């Protein structure tokens, strides 16, 4: 992965599995990471604490929730939702 220092990134479905690995890698590479989660508050809170990322509760299958997340995120430098 490229250097992400100073970049703002949003990962849709980032609380577990591949999404969580992406969150960890981007945070390690210096990105300011936000990620959505729908299933486990415990896992998402733990990942946020470990990485400094922002955990946002939102259902990725709910269009209006996703639009709200994106609108509230402001300027985003990268979106990794297509990697799922």
PDB file of N, CA and C in Angstrom:
ATOM      1  N   UNK A   1       0.829  -1.175   0.000  1.00  0.00           N
ATOM      2  CA  UNK A   1       0.000   0.000   0.000  1.00  0.00           C
ATOM      3  C   UNK A   1       0.877   1.243   0.000  1.00  0.00           C
ATOM      4  N   UNK A   2       0.387   2.277  -0.623  1.00  0.00           N
ATOM      5  CA  UNK A   2       1.118   3.525  -0.705  1.00  0.00           C
ATOM      6  C   UNK A   2       1.143   4.235   0.645  1.00  0.00           C
ATOM      7  N   UNK A   3       1.978   5.229   0.737  1.00  0.00           N
ATOM      8  CA  UNK A   3       2.061   6.060   1.943  1.00  0.00           C
ATOM      9  C   UNK A   3       0.749   6.830   2.099  1.00  0.00           C
ATOM     10  N   UNK A   4       0.153   6.791   3.272  1.00  0.00           N
ATOM     11  CA  UNK A   4      -1.119   7.463   3.510  1.00  0.00           C
ATOM     12  C   UNK A   4      -1.030   8.542   4.575  1.00  0.00           C
ATOM     13  N   UNK A   5       0.153   8.968   4.901  1.00  0.00           N
ATOM     14  CA  UNK A   5       0.338   9.996   5.913  1.00  0.00           C
ATOM     15  C   UNK A   5      -0.437  11.261   5.535  1.00  0.00           C
ATOM     16  N   UNK A   6      -1.267  11.707   6.476  1.00  0.00           N
ATOM     17  CA  UNK A   6      -2.035  12.922   6.254  1.00  0.00           C
ATOM     18  C   UNK A   6      -3.290  12.750   5.414  1.00  0.00           C
ATOM     19  N   UNK A   7      -3.582  11.551   4.976  1.00  0.00           N
ATOM     20  CA  UNK A   7      -4.767  11.291   4.159  1.00  0.00           C
ATOM     21  C   UNK A   7      -5.932  10.886   5.044  1.00  0.00           C
ATOM     22  N   UNK A   8      -7.137  11.291   4.659  1.00  0.00           N
ATOM     23  CA  UNK A   8      -8.355  10.923   5.371  1.00  0.00           C
ATOM     24  C   UNK A   8      -9.044   9.813   4.588  1.00  0.00           C
ATOM     25  N   UNK A   9      -9.290   8.683   5.275  1.00  0.00           N
ATOM     26  CA  UNK A   9      -9.791   7.488   4.607  1.00  0.00           C
ATOM     27  C   UNK A   9     -11.057   6.988   5.304  1.00  0.00           C
ATOM     28  N   UNK A  10     -11.999   6.510   4.496  1.00  0.00           N
ATOM     29  CA  UNK A  10     -13.221   5.893   5.006  1.00  0.00           C
ATOM     30  C   UNK A  10     -13.272   4.455   4.528  1.00  0.00           C
ATOM     31  N   UNK A  11     -13.400   3.509   5.463  1.00  0.00           N
ATOM     32  CA  UNK A  11     -13.520   2.091   5.136  1.00  0.00           C
ATOM     33  C   UNK A  11     -14.936   1.652   5.520  1.00  0.00           C
ATOM     34  N   UNK A  12     -15.693   1.220   4.529  1.00  0.00           N
ATOM     35  CA  UNK A  12     -17.053   0.738   4.784  1.00  0.00           C
ATOM     36  C   UNK A  12     -16.950  -0.728   5.217  1.00  0.00           C
ATOM     37  N   UNK A  13     -17.489  -1.052   6.390  1.00  0.00           N
ATOM     38  CA  UNK A  13     -17.411  -2.417   6.905  1.00  0.00           C
ATOM     39  C   UNK A  13     -16.012  -2.751   7.385  1.00  0.00           C
ATOM     40  N   UNK A  14     -15.480  -1.916   8.254  1.00  0.00           N
ATOM     41  CA  UNK A  14     -14.090  -2.083   8.661  1.00  0.00           C
ATOM     42  C   UNK A  14     -13.858  -2.683  10.022  1.00  0.00           C
ATOM     43  N   UNK A  15     -14.854  -3.254  10.654  1.00  0.00           N
ATOM     44  CA  UNK A  15     -14.670  -3.694  12.043  1.00  0.00           C
ATOM     45  C   UNK A  15     -14.092  -5.090  12.204  1.00  0.00           C
ATOM     46  N   UNK A  16     -14.132  -5.919  11.156  1.00  0.00           N
ATOM     47  CA  UNK A  16     -13.596  -7.276  11.290  1.00  0.00           C
ATOM     48  C   UNK A  16     -13.049  -7.768   9.960  1.00  0.00           C
ATOM     49  N   UNK A  17     -12.348  -8.861  10.019  1.00  0.00           N
ATOM     50  CA  UNK A  17     -11.838  -9.501   8.813  1.00  0.00           C
ATOM     51  C   UNK A  17     -10.936  -8.609   7.979  1.00  0.00           C
ATOM     52  N   UNK A  18     -11.152  -8.661   6.669  1.00  0.00           N
ATOM     53  CA  UNK A  18     -10.339  -7.882   5.736  1.00  0.00           C
ATOM     54  C   UNK A  18     -10.476  -6.393   6.011  1.00  0.00           C
ATOM     55  N   UNK A  19     -11.690  -5.943   6.303  1.00  0.00           N
ATOM     56  CA  UNK A  19     -11.901  -4.523   6.591  1.00  0.00           C
ATOM     57  C   UNK A  19     -11.063  -4.050   7.762  1.00  0.00           C
ATOM     58  N   UNK A  20     -11.009  -4.839   8.835  1.00  0.00           N
ATOM     59  CA  UNK A  20     -10.206  -4.477  10.006  1.00  0.00           C
ATOM     60  C   UNK A  20      -8.716  -4.469   9.670  1.00  0.00           C
ATOM     61  N   UNK A  21      -8.288  -5.410   8.842  1.00  0.00           N
ATOM     62  CA  UNK A  21      -6.880  -5.434   8.422  1.00  0.00           C
ATOM     63  C   UNK A  21      -6.537  -4.181   7.627  1.00  0.00           C
ATOM     64  N   UNK A  22      -7.459  -3.738   6.788  1.00  0.00           N
ATOM     65  CA  UNK A  22      -7.242  -2.511   6.016  1.00  0.00           C
ATOM     66  C   UNK A  22      -7.161  -1.308   6.950  1.00  0.00           C
ATOM     67  N   UNK A  23      -8.069  -1.250   7.932  1.00  0.00           N
ATOM     68  CA  UNK A  23      -8.039  -0.154   8.914  1.00  0.00           C
ATOM     69  C   UNK A  23      -6.685  -0.129   9.626  1.00  0.00           C
ATOM     70  N   UNK A  24      -6.235  -1.283  10.090  1.00  0.00           N
ATOM     71  CA  UNK A  24      -4.942  -1.349  10.806  1.00  0.00           C
ATOM     72  C   UNK A  24      -3.788  -0.888   9.921  1.00  0.00           C
ATOM     73  N   UNK A  25      -3.762  -1.356   8.688  1.00  0.00           N
ATOM     74  CA  UNK A  25      -2.671  -1.000   7.784  1.00  0.00           C
ATOM     75  C   UNK A  25      -2.672   0.490   7.455  1.00  0.00           C
ATOM     76  N   UNK A  26      -3.826   1.039   7.153  1.00  0.00           N
ATOM     77  CA  UNK A  26      -3.907   2.460   6.819  1.00  0.00           C
ATOM     78  C   UNK A  26      -3.511   3.326   8.012  1.00  0.00           C
ATOM     79  N   UNK A  27      -3.980   2.954   9.199  1.00  0.00           N
ATOM     80  CA  UNK A  27      -3.624   3.699  10.409  1.00  0.00           C
ATOM     81  C   UNK A  27      -2.111   3.618  10.644  1.00  0.00           C
ATOM     82  N   UNK A  28      -1.549   2.436  10.452  1.00  0.00           N
ATOM     83  CA  UNK A  28      -0.106   2.253  10.620  1.00  0.00           C
ATOM     84  C   UNK A  28       0.672   3.092   9.598  1.00  0.00           C
ATOM     85  N   UNK A  29       0.093   3.274   8.410  1.00  0.00           N
ATOM     86  CA  UNK A  29       0.733   4.070   7.368  1.00  0.00           C
ATOM     87  C   UNK A  29       0.458   5.567   7.506  1.00  0.00           C
ATOM     88  N   UNK A  30      -0.193   5.968   8.607  1.00  0.00           N
ATOM     89  CA  UNK A  30      -0.352   7.381   8.908  1.00  0.00           C
ATOM     90  C   UNK A  30      -1.656   8.028   8.501  1.00  0.00           C
ATOM     91  N   UNK A  31      -2.599   7.258   8.001  1.00  0.00           N
ATOM     92  CA  UNK A  31      -3.883   7.829   7.588  1.00  0.00           C
ATOM     93  C   UNK A  31      -4.757   8.139   8.798  1.00  0.00           C
ATOM     94  N   UNK A  32      -5.636   9.101   8.624  1.00  0.00           N
ATOM     95  CA  UNK A  32      -6.713   9.371   9.570  1.00  0.00           C
ATOM     96  C   UNK A  32      -7.890   8.520   9.094  1.00  0.00           C
ATOM     97  N   UNK A  33      -8.194   7.462   9.836  1.00  0.00           N
ATOM     98  CA  UNK A  33      -9.142   6.448   9.363  1.00  0.00           C
ATOM     99  C   UNK A  33     -10.457   6.519  10.112  1.00  0.00           C
ATOM    100  N   UNK A  34     -11.541   6.445   9.351  1.00  0.00           N
ATOM    101  CA  UNK A  34     -12.879   6.223   9.891  1.00  0.00           C
ATOM    102  C   UNK A  34     -13.377   4.931   9.270  1.00  0.00           C
ATOM    103  N   UNK A  35     -14.135   4.157  10.039  1.00  0.00           N
ATOM    104  CA  UNK A  35     -14.702   2.932   9.487  1.00  0.00           C
ATOM    105  C   UNK A  35     -16.097   2.723  10.021  1.00  0.00           C
ATOM    106  N   UNK A  36     -16.923   2.060   9.212  1.00  0.00           N
ATOM    107  CA  UNK A  36     -18.281   1.751   9.644  1.00  0.00           C
ATOM    108  C   UNK A  36     -18.335   0.333  10.192  1.00  0.00           C
ATOM    109  N   UNK A  37     -19.310   0.128  11.042  1.00  0.00           N
ATOM    110  CA  UNK A  37     -19.562  -1.191  11.614  1.00  0.00           C
ATOM    111  C   UNK A  37     -21.054  -1.337  11.867  1.00  0.00           C
ATOM    112  N   UNK A  38     -21.525  -2.573  11.864  1.00  0.00           N
ATOM    113  CA  UNK A  38     -22.944  -2.808  12.124  1.00  0.00           C
ATOM    114  C   UNK A  38     -23.177  -3.902  13.157  1.00  0.00           C
ATOM    115  N   UNK A  39     -22.201  -4.794  13.367  1.00  0.00           N
ATOM    116  CA  UNK A  39     -22.454  -5.969  14.182  1.00  0.00           C
ATOM    117  C   UNK A  39     -21.984  -5.913  15.614  1.00  0.00           C
ATOM    118  N   UNK A  40     -20.732  -5.640  15.844  1.00  0.00           N
ATOM    119  CA  UNK A  40     -20.171  -5.786  17.183  1.00  0.00           C
ATOM    120  C   UNK A  40     -19.551  -4.488  17.689  1.00  0.00           C
ATOM    121  N   UNK A  41     -20.234  -3.858  18.641  1.00  0.00           N
ATOM    122  CA  UNK A  41     -19.690  -2.640  19.242  1.00  0.00           C
ATOM    123  C   UNK A  41     -18.361  -2.937  19.932  1.00  0.00           C
ATOM    124  N   UNK A  42     -18.269  -4.077  20.604  1.00  0.00           N
ATOM    125  CA  UNK A  42     -17.047  -4.427  21.330  1.00  0.00           C
ATOM    126  C   UNK A  42     -15.852  -4.491  20.385  1.00  0.00           C
ATOM    127  N   UNK A  43     -15.988  -5.214  19.272  1.00  0.00           N
ATOM    128  CA  UNK A  43     -14.893  -5.343  18.311  1.00  0.00           C
ATOM    129  C   UNK A  43     -14.547  -4.005  17.679  1.00  0.00           C
ATOM    130  N   UNK A  44     -15.545  -3.222  17.330  1.00  0.00           N
ATOM    131  CA  UNK A  44     -15.268  -1.936  16.690  1.00  0.00           C
ATOM    132  C   UNK A  44     -14.621  -0.963  17.676  1.00  0.00           C
ATOM    133  N   UNK A  45     -15.076  -0.952  18.917  1.00  0.00           N
ATOM    134  CA  UNK A  45     -14.452  -0.085  19.923  1.00  0.00           C
ATOM    135  C   UNK A  45     -13.000  -0.487  20.171  1.00  0.00           C
ATOM    136  N   UNK A  46     -12.743  -1.796  20.204  1.00  0.00           N
ATOM    137  CA  UNK A  46     -11.382  -2.277  20.416  1.00  0.00           C
ATOM    138  C   UNK A  46     -10.472  -1.880  19.249  1.00  0.00           C
ATOM    139  N   UNK A  47     -10.961  -2.040  18.024  1.00  0.00           N
ATOM    140  CA  UNK A  47     -10.176  -1.658  16.851  1.00  0.00           C
ATOM    141  C   UNK A  47      -9.905  -0.156  16.844  1.00  0.00           C
ATOM    142  N   UNK A  48     -10.918   0.638  17.173  1.00  0.00           N
ATOM    143  CA  UNK A  48     -10.742   2.088  17.228  1.00  0.00           C
ATOM    144  C   UNK A  48      -9.701   2.468  18.273  1.00  0.00           C
ATOM    145  N   UNK A  49      -9.757   1.823  19.423  1.00  0.00           N
ATOM    146  CA  UNK A  49      -8.789   2.109  20.484  1.00  0.00           C
ATOM    147  C   UNK A  49      -7.378   1.726  20.048  1.00  0.00           C
ATOM    148  N   UNK A  50      -7.234   0.580  19.419  1.00  0.00           N
ATOM    149  CA  UNK A  50      -5.919   0.098  18.986  1.00  0.00           C
ATOM    150  C   UNK A  50      -5.293   0.960  17.892  1.00  0.00           C
ATOM    151  N   UNK A  51      -6.124   1.516  17.027  1.00  0.00           N
ATOM    152  CA  UNK A  51      -5.614   2.202  15.833  1.00  0.00           C
ATOM    153  C   UNK A  51      -5.768   3.722  15.854  1.00  0.00           C
ATOM    154  N   UNK A  52      -6.594   4.221  16.764  1.00  0.00           N
ATOM    155  CA  UNK A  52      -6.889   5.654  16.750  1.00  0.00           C
ATOM    156  C   UNK A  52      -7.921   6.030  15.704  1.00  0.00           C
ATOM    157  N   UNK A  53      -8.533   5.034  15.077  1.00  0.00           N
ATOM    158  CA  UNK A  53      -9.544   5.278  14.053  1.00  0.00           C
ATOM    159  C   UNK A  53     -10.871   5.661  14.693  1.00  0.00           C
ATOM    160  N   UNK A  54     -11.740   6.229  13.884  1.00  0.00           N
ATOM    161  CA  UNK A  54     -13.091   6.570  14.323  1.00  0.00           C
ATOM    162  C   UNK A  54     -14.046   5.468  13.880  1.00  0.00           C
ATOM    163  N   UNK A  55     -14.783   4.887  14.815  1.00  0.00           N
ATOM    164  CA  UNK A  55     -15.778   3.855  14.519  1.00  0.00           C
ATOM    165  C   UNK A  55     -17.149   4.502  14.384  1.00  0.00           C
ATOM    166  N   UNK A  56     -17.818   4.227  13.275  1.00  0.00           N
ATOM    167  CA  UNK A  56     -19.125   4.813  12.998  1.00  0.00           C
ATOM    168  C   UNK A  56     -20.132   3.684  12.820  1.00  0.00           C
ATOM    169  N   UNK A  57     -21.139   3.649  13.685  1.00  0.00           N
ATOM    170  CA  UNK A  57     -22.160   2.614  13.550  1.00  0.00           C
ATOM    171  C   UNK A  57     -23.077   2.959  12.387  1.00  0.00           C
ATOM    172  N   UNK A  58     -23.091   2.088  11.388  1.00  0.00           N
ATOM    173  CA  UNK A  58     -23.945   2.286  10.216  1.00  0.00           C
ATOM    174  C   UNK A  58     -24.046   0.978   9.453  1.00  0.00           C
ATOM    175  N   UNK A  59     -25.217   0.702   8.930  1.00  0.00           N
ATOM    176  CA  UNK A  59     -25.469  -0.508   8.157  1.00  0.00           C
ATOM    177  C   UNK A  59     -25.129  -0.236   6.691  1.00  0.00           C
ATOM    178  N   UNK A  60     -24.141  -0.935   6.178  1.00  0.00           N
ATOM    179  CA  UNK A  60     -23.678  -0.716   4.806  1.00  0.00           C
ATOM    180  C   UNK A  60     -24.748  -1.046   3.769  1.00  0.00           C
ATOM    181  N   UNK A  61     -25.779  -1.785   4.155  1.00  0.00           N
ATOM    182  CA  UNK A  61     -26.855  -2.111   3.210  1.00  0.00           C
ATOM    183  C   UNK A  61     -27.963  -1.059   3.206  1.00  0.00           C
ATOM    184  N   UNK A  62     -27.838  -0.073   4.088  1.00  0.00           N
ATOM    185  CA  UNK A  62     -28.850   0.974   4.188  1.00  0.00           C
ATOM    186  C   UNK A  62     -28.336   2.233   3.489  1.00  0.00           C
ATOM    187  N   UNK A  63     -28.894   2.498   2.319  1.00  0.00           N
ATOM    188  CA  UNK A  63     -28.420   3.614   1.490  1.00  0.00           C
ATOM    189  C   UNK A  63     -28.443   4.953   2.230  1.00  0.00           C
ATOM    190  N   UNK A  64     -29.516   5.255   2.933  1.00  0.00           N
ATOM    191  CA  UNK A  64     -29.618   6.547   3.607  1.00  0.00           C
ATOM    192  C   UNK A  64     -28.581   6.668   4.724  1.00  0.00           C
ATOM    193  N   UNK A  65     -28.301   5.576   5.430  1.00  0.00           N
ATOM    194  CA  UNK A  65     -27.260   5.614   6.460  1.00  0.00           C
ATOM    195  C   UNK A  65     -25.897   5.874   5.836  1.00  0.00           C
ATOM    196  N   UNK A  66     -25.612   5.208   4.714  1.00  0.00           N
ATOM    197  CA  UNK A  66     -24.315   5.392   4.058  1.00  0.00           C
ATOM    198  C   UNK A  66     -24.173   6.807   3.514  1.00  0.00           C
ATOM    199  N   UNK A  67     -25.220   7.348   2.943  1.00  0.00           N
ATOM    200  CA  UNK A  67     -25.168   8.729   2.453  1.00  0.00           C
ATOM    201  C   UNK A  67     -24.897   9.695   3.604  1.00  0.00           C
ATOM    202  N   UNK A  68     -25.518   9.455   4.741  1.00  0.00           N
ATOM    203  CA  UNK A  68     -25.298  10.291   5.912  1.00  0.00           C
ATOM    204  C   UNK A  68     -23.847  10.204   6.387  1.00  0.00           C
ATOM    205  N   UNK A  69     -23.304   8.991   6.434  1.00  0.00           N
ATOM    206  CA  UNK A  69     -21.908   8.801   6.850  1.00  0.00           C
ATOM    207  C   UNK A  69     -20.979   9.576   5.927  1.00  0.00           C
ATOM    208  N   UNK A  70     -21.190   9.433   4.629  1.00  0.00           N
ATOM    209  CA  UNK A  70     -20.320  10.091   3.647  1.00  0.00           C
ATOM    210  C   UNK A  70     -20.456  11.604   3.734  1.00  0.00           C
ATOM    211  N   UNK A  71     -21.669  12.102   3.866  1.00  0.00           N
ATOM    212  CA  UNK A  71     -21.876  13.547   3.974  1.00  0.00           C
ATOM    213  C   UNK A  71     -21.221  14.105   5.232  1.00  0.00           C
ATOM    214  N   UNK A  72     -21.320  13.383   6.341  1.00  0.00           N
ATOM    215  CA  UNK A  72     -20.745  13.849   7.598  1.00  0.00           C
ATOM    216  C   UNK A  72     -19.232  13.698   7.660  1.00  0.00           C
ATOM    217  N   UNK A  73     -18.676  12.861   6.799  1.00  0.00           N
ATOM    218  CA  UNK A  73     -17.234  12.623   6.813  1.00  0.00           C
ATOM    219  C   UNK A  73     -16.442  13.809   6.272  1.00  0.00           C
ATOM    220  N   UNK A  74     -17.083  14.628   5.474  1.00  0.00           N
ATOM    221  CA  UNK A  74     -16.345  15.739   4.868  1.00  0.00           C
ATOM    222  C   UNK A  74     -15.463  15.231   3.745  1.00  0.00           C
ATOM    223  N   UNK A  75     -14.370  15.910   3.542  1.00  0.00           N
ATOM    224  CA  UNK A  75     -13.450  15.566   2.465  1.00  0.00           C
ATOM    225  C   UNK A  75     -12.739  14.248   2.774  1.00  0.00           C
ATOM    226  N   UNK A  76     -12.806  13.312   1.839  1.00  0.00           N
ATOM    227  CA  UNK A  76     -12.166  12.005   1.993  1.00  0.00           C
ATOM    228  C   UNK A  76     -11.147  11.852   0.877  1.00  0.00           C
ATOM    229  N   UNK A  77      -9.950  11.411   1.231  1.00  0.00           N
ATOM    230  CA  UNK A  77      -8.899  11.221   0.246  1.00  0.00           C
ATOM    231  C   UNK A  77      -8.943   9.852  -0.414  1.00  0.00           C
ATOM    232  N   UNK A  78      -9.509   8.853   0.272  1.00  0.00           N
ATOM    233  CA  UNK A  78      -9.567   7.498  -0.281  1.00  0.00           C
ATOM    234  C   UNK A  78     -10.752   6.759   0.307  1.00  0.00           C
ATOM    235  N   UNK A  79     -11.341   5.881  -0.495  1.00  0.00           N
ATOM    236  CA  UNK A  79     -12.474   5.058  -0.083  1.00  0.00           C
ATOM    237  C   UNK A  79     -12.147   3.624  -0.470  1.00  0.00           C
ATOM    238  N   UNK A  80     -12.136   2.708   0.497  1.00  0.00           N
ATOM    239  CA  UNK A  80     -11.761   1.336   0.251  1.00  0.00           C
ATOM    240  C   UNK A  80     -12.945   0.391   0.323  1.00  0.00           C
ATOM    241  N   UNK A  81     -14.162   0.910   0.105  1.00  0.00           N
ATOM    242  CA  UNK A  81     -15.340   0.062   0.190  1.00  0.00           C
ATOM    243  C   UNK A  81     -15.355  -0.993  -0.911  1.00  0.00           C
ATOM    244  N   UNK A  82     -14.695  -0.747  -2.020  1.00  0.00           N
ATOM    245  CA  UNK A  82     -14.700  -1.693  -3.144  1.00  0.00           C
ATOM    246  C   UNK A  82     -13.846  -2.927  -2.891  1.00  0.00           C
ATOM    247  N   UNK A  83     -13.060  -2.953  -1.815  1.00  0.00           N
ATOM    248  CA  UNK A  83     -12.177  -4.079  -1.550  1.00  0.00           C
ATOM    249  C   UNK A  83     -12.875  -5.240  -0.852  1.00  0.00           C
ATOM    250  N   UNK A  84     -14.102  -5.084  -0.424  1.00  0.00           N
ATOM    251  CA  UNK A  84     -14.798  -6.138   0.315  1.00  0.00           C
ATOM    252  C   UNK A  84     -15.215  -7.260  -0.559  1.00  0.00           C
TER     253      UNK A  84
END
